[in-house]
Amino acid sequence: MFLDHDAFEALVVAELDELPDDMVDGLDNVVFVVEDRPEDGSLDTLGLYDGIALTERDRYGYGELPDRIILYREPLLAACADVEELREEIHVTLVHEIAHFYGIDDAELHRLGWD
């Protein structure tokens, strides 16, 4: 499957709009970014939370660089057979990375069925 950067980003924005308000309302100073691949060039990583989880912040003030939630276009495309599957995988990846912002680790996500 192939989608150019703009079409993929439009899917990400659409899936963000579908997330529950109580999940996204607390996302303070977070930007969402689409990149082609992770730095190591692999197709194994679908997304990444790049920041300090809320549960680990001792102080967070004005002027801090925003945390980033990165979705990797090529790995997500490689993992999906069609657009519907891609939408679902983008949704799951967004929820997964947003959970890391809130301090929920991979073990808890697995227990909750979000892996």
C-alpha atoms as a PDB file:
ATOM      1  CA  MET A   1       0.000   0.000   0.000  1.00  0.00           C
ATOM      2  CA  PHE A   2       1.207   3.535  -0.716  1.00  0.00           C
ATOM      3  CA  LEU A   3       0.007   6.876   0.591  1.00  0.00           C
ATOM      4  CA  ASP A   4       2.030  10.048   0.216  1.00  0.00           C
ATOM      5  CA  HIS A   5       2.921  12.120   3.260  1.00  0.00           C
ATOM      6  CA  ASP A   6      -0.037  14.524   2.933  1.00  0.00           C
ATOM      7  CA  ALA A   7      -2.661  11.785   2.515  1.00  0.00           C
ATOM      8  CA  PHE A   8      -1.201   9.850   5.444  1.00  0.00           C
ATOM      9  CA  GLU A   9      -1.136  12.952   7.632  1.00  0.00           C
ATOM     10  CA  ALA A  10      -4.799  13.586   6.763  1.00  0.00           C
ATOM     11  CA  LEU A  11      -5.644  10.087   8.067  1.00  0.00           C
ATOM     12  CA  VAL A  12      -3.747  10.812  11.291  1.00  0.00           C
ATOM     13  CA  VAL A  13      -5.657  14.079  11.790  1.00  0.00           C
ATOM     14  CA  ALA A  14      -8.960  12.297  11.114  1.00  0.00           C
ATOM     15  CA  GLU A  15      -8.133   9.603  13.688  1.00  0.00           C
ATOM     16  CA  LEU A  16      -7.076  12.238  16.232  1.00  0.00           C
ATOM     17  CA  ASP A  17     -10.470  13.881  15.777  1.00  0.00           C
ATOM     18  CA  GLU A  18     -12.143  10.540  16.566  1.00  0.00           C
ATOM     19  CA  LEU A  19     -10.412  10.107  19.938  1.00  0.00           C
ATOM     20  CA  PRO A  20     -12.485  10.799  23.064  1.00  0.00           C
ATOM     21  CA  ASP A  21     -12.245  14.352  24.400  1.00  0.00           C
ATOM     22  CA  ASP A  22     -11.173  13.160  27.852  1.00  0.00           C
ATOM     23  CA  MET A  23      -8.157  11.471  26.248  1.00  0.00           C
ATOM     24  CA  VAL A  24      -6.907  14.485  24.305  1.00  0.00           C
ATOM     25  CA  ASP A  25      -8.011  17.396  26.511  1.00  0.00           C
ATOM     26  CA  GLY A  26      -5.123  16.780  28.924  1.00  0.00           C
ATOM     27  CA  LEU A  27      -2.459  16.776  26.206  1.00  0.00           C
ATOM     28  CA  ASP A  28      -0.702  19.971  27.177  1.00  0.00           C
ATOM     29  CA  ASN A  29       2.311  21.083  25.121  1.00  0.00           C
ATOM     30  CA  VAL A  30       2.289  18.009  22.856  1.00  0.00           C
ATOM     31  CA  VAL A  31       2.733  18.036  19.083  1.00  0.00           C
ATOM     32  CA  PHE A  32       1.875  15.215  16.694  1.00  0.00           C
ATOM     33  CA  VAL A  33       4.430  14.538  13.977  1.00  0.00           C
ATOM     34  CA  VAL A  34       4.513  12.203  10.967  1.00  0.00           C
ATOM     35  CA  GLU A  35       7.934  10.923   9.910  1.00  0.00           C
ATOM     36  CA  ASP A  36       8.744   8.356   7.254  1.00  0.00           C
ATOM     37  CA  ARG A  37      10.806   6.008   9.466  1.00  0.00           C
ATOM     38  CA  PRO A  38      12.495   5.908  12.866  1.00  0.00           C
ATOM     39  CA  GLU A  39      16.138   6.997  13.034  1.00  0.00           C
ATOM     40  CA  ASP A  40      17.349   3.387  12.823  1.00  0.00           C
ATOM     41  CA  GLY A  41      15.492   2.977   9.509  1.00  0.00           C
ATOM     42  CA  SER A  42      13.535  -0.067  10.697  1.00  0.00           C
ATOM     43  CA  LEU A  43       9.954  -0.941   9.914  1.00  0.00           C
ATOM     44  CA  ASP A  44       9.406  -2.369  13.408  1.00  0.00           C
ATOM     45  CA  THR A  45       8.411   0.827  15.234  1.00  0.00           C
ATOM     46  CA  LEU A  46       5.005   2.293  14.421  1.00  0.00           C
ATOM     47  CA  GLY A  47       5.080   5.244  16.787  1.00  0.00           C
ATOM     48  CA  LEU A  48       7.028   6.931  19.561  1.00  0.00           C
ATOM     49  CA  TYR A  49       6.302   9.168  22.518  1.00  0.00           C
ATOM     50  CA  ASP A  50       9.242  11.565  22.857  1.00  0.00           C
ATOM     51  CA  GLY A  51       8.912  13.413  26.141  1.00  0.00           C
ATOM     52  CA  ILE A  52       8.545  13.119  29.883  1.00  0.00           C
ATOM     53  CA  ALA A  53       5.405  11.374  31.102  1.00  0.00           C
ATOM     54  CA  LEU A  54       3.082  13.362  33.349  1.00  0.00           C
ATOM     55  CA  THR A  55       3.740  10.931  36.183  1.00  0.00           C
ATOM     56  CA  GLU A  56       7.491  11.650  36.036  1.00  0.00           C
ATOM     57  CA  ARG A  57       7.463  15.447  35.806  1.00  0.00           C
ATOM     58  CA  ASP A  58       8.562  17.288  38.882  1.00  0.00           C
ATOM     59  CA  ARG A  59       8.154  20.699  37.296  1.00  0.00           C
ATOM     60  CA  TYR A  60       7.005  21.787  33.902  1.00  0.00           C
ATOM     61  CA  GLY A  61       6.809  25.414  33.065  1.00  0.00           C
ATOM     62  CA  TYR A  62       6.537  28.056  30.454  1.00  0.00           C
ATOM     63  CA  GLY A  63       9.068  27.804  27.652  1.00  0.00           C
ATOM     64  CA  GLU A  64       9.486  24.034  27.731  1.00  0.00           C
ATOM     65  CA  LEU A  65       9.864  22.382  24.343  1.00  0.00           C
ATOM     66  CA  PRO A  66       6.760  20.371  23.503  1.00  0.00           C
ATOM     67  CA  ASP A  67       6.639  16.621  23.870  1.00  0.00           C
ATOM     68  CA  ARG A  68       6.217  14.824  20.562  1.00  0.00           C
ATOM     69  CA  ILE A  69       4.087  11.916  19.493  1.00  0.00           C
ATOM     70  CA  ILE A  70       5.567  10.571  16.280  1.00  0.00           C
ATOM     71  CA  LEU A  71       3.806   8.241  13.857  1.00  0.00           C
ATOM     72  CA  TYR A  72       6.023   6.492  11.326  1.00  0.00           C
ATOM     73  CA  ARG A  73       4.392   6.400   7.899  1.00  0.00           C
ATOM     74  CA  GLU A  74       6.375   3.635   6.174  1.00  0.00           C
ATOM     75  CA  PRO A  75       6.175   1.080   9.020  1.00  0.00           C
ATOM     76  CA  LEU A  76       2.441   1.715   9.418  1.00  0.00           C
ATOM     77  CA  LEU A  77       1.881   1.327   5.682  1.00  0.00           C
ATOM     78  CA  ALA A  78       3.965  -1.860   5.625  1.00  0.00           C
ATOM     79  CA  ALA A  79       1.885  -3.345   8.466  1.00  0.00           C
ATOM     80  CA  CYS A  80      -1.475  -2.775   6.785  1.00  0.00           C
ATOM     81  CA  ALA A  81      -3.182  -4.320   3.761  1.00  0.00           C
ATOM     82  CA  ASP A  82      -5.764  -1.588   3.127  1.00  0.00           C
ATOM     83  CA  VAL A  83      -6.910   1.862   4.236  1.00  0.00           C
ATOM     84  CA  GLU A  84      -9.405   0.524   6.783  1.00  0.00           C
ATOM     85  CA  GLU A  85      -6.701  -1.543   8.488  1.00  0.00           C
ATOM     86  CA  LEU A  86      -4.385   1.491   8.348  1.00  0.00           C
ATOM     87  CA  ARG A  87      -6.990   3.685  10.057  1.00  0.00           C
ATOM     88  CA  GLU A  88      -7.337   1.114  12.847  1.00  0.00           C
ATOM     89  CA  GLU A  89      -3.571   0.807  13.287  1.00  0.00           C
ATOM     90  CA  ILE A  90      -3.146   4.598  13.372  1.00  0.00           C
ATOM     91  CA  HIS A  91      -5.883   4.736  16.023  1.00  0.00           C
ATOM     92  CA  VAL A  92      -4.236   2.056  18.156  1.00  0.00           C
ATOM     93  CA  THR A  93      -0.807   3.695  17.758  1.00  0.00           C
ATOM     94  CA  LEU A  94      -2.168   7.102  18.784  1.00  0.00           C
ATOM     95  CA  VAL A  95      -3.844   5.628  21.876  1.00  0.00           C
ATOM     96  CA  HIS A  96      -0.642   3.735  22.726  1.00  0.00           C
ATOM     97  CA  GLU A  97       1.607   6.803  22.491  1.00  0.00           C
ATOM     98  CA  ILE A  98      -0.880   9.083  24.273  1.00  0.00           C
ATOM     99  CA  ALA A  99      -0.988   6.502  27.077  1.00  0.00           C
ATOM    100  CA  HIS A 100       2.790   6.881  27.452  1.00  0.00           C
ATOM    101  CA  PHE A 101       2.268  10.652  27.862  1.00  0.00           C
ATOM    102  CA  TYR A 102      -0.053   9.854  30.778  1.00  0.00           C
ATOM    103  CA  GLY A 103       2.542   7.495  32.279  1.00  0.00           C
ATOM    104  CA  ILE A 104       1.006   4.164  31.266  1.00  0.00           C
ATOM    105  CA  ASP A 105       3.785   1.707  30.404  1.00  0.00           C
ATOM    106  CA  ASP A 106       3.838  -1.113  27.838  1.00  0.00           C
ATOM    107  CA  ALA A 107       3.054  -3.793  30.429  1.00  0.00           C
ATOM    108  CA  GLU A 108      -0.129  -2.009  31.501  1.00  0.00           C
ATOM    109  CA  LEU A 109      -1.098  -1.361  27.867  1.00  0.00           C
ATOM    110  CA  HIS A 110      -0.646  -5.069  27.167  1.00  0.00           C
ATOM    111  CA  ARG A 111      -2.807  -5.940  30.184  1.00  0.00           C
ATOM    112  CA  LEU A 112      -5.491  -3.569  28.853  1.00  0.00           C
ATOM    113  CA  GLY A 113      -5.281  -5.080  25.351  1.00  0.00           C
ATOM    114  CA  TRP A 114      -3.743  -2.032  23.621  1.00  0.00           C
ATOM    115  CA  ASP A 115      -0.574  -3.578  22.237  1.00  0.00           C
END
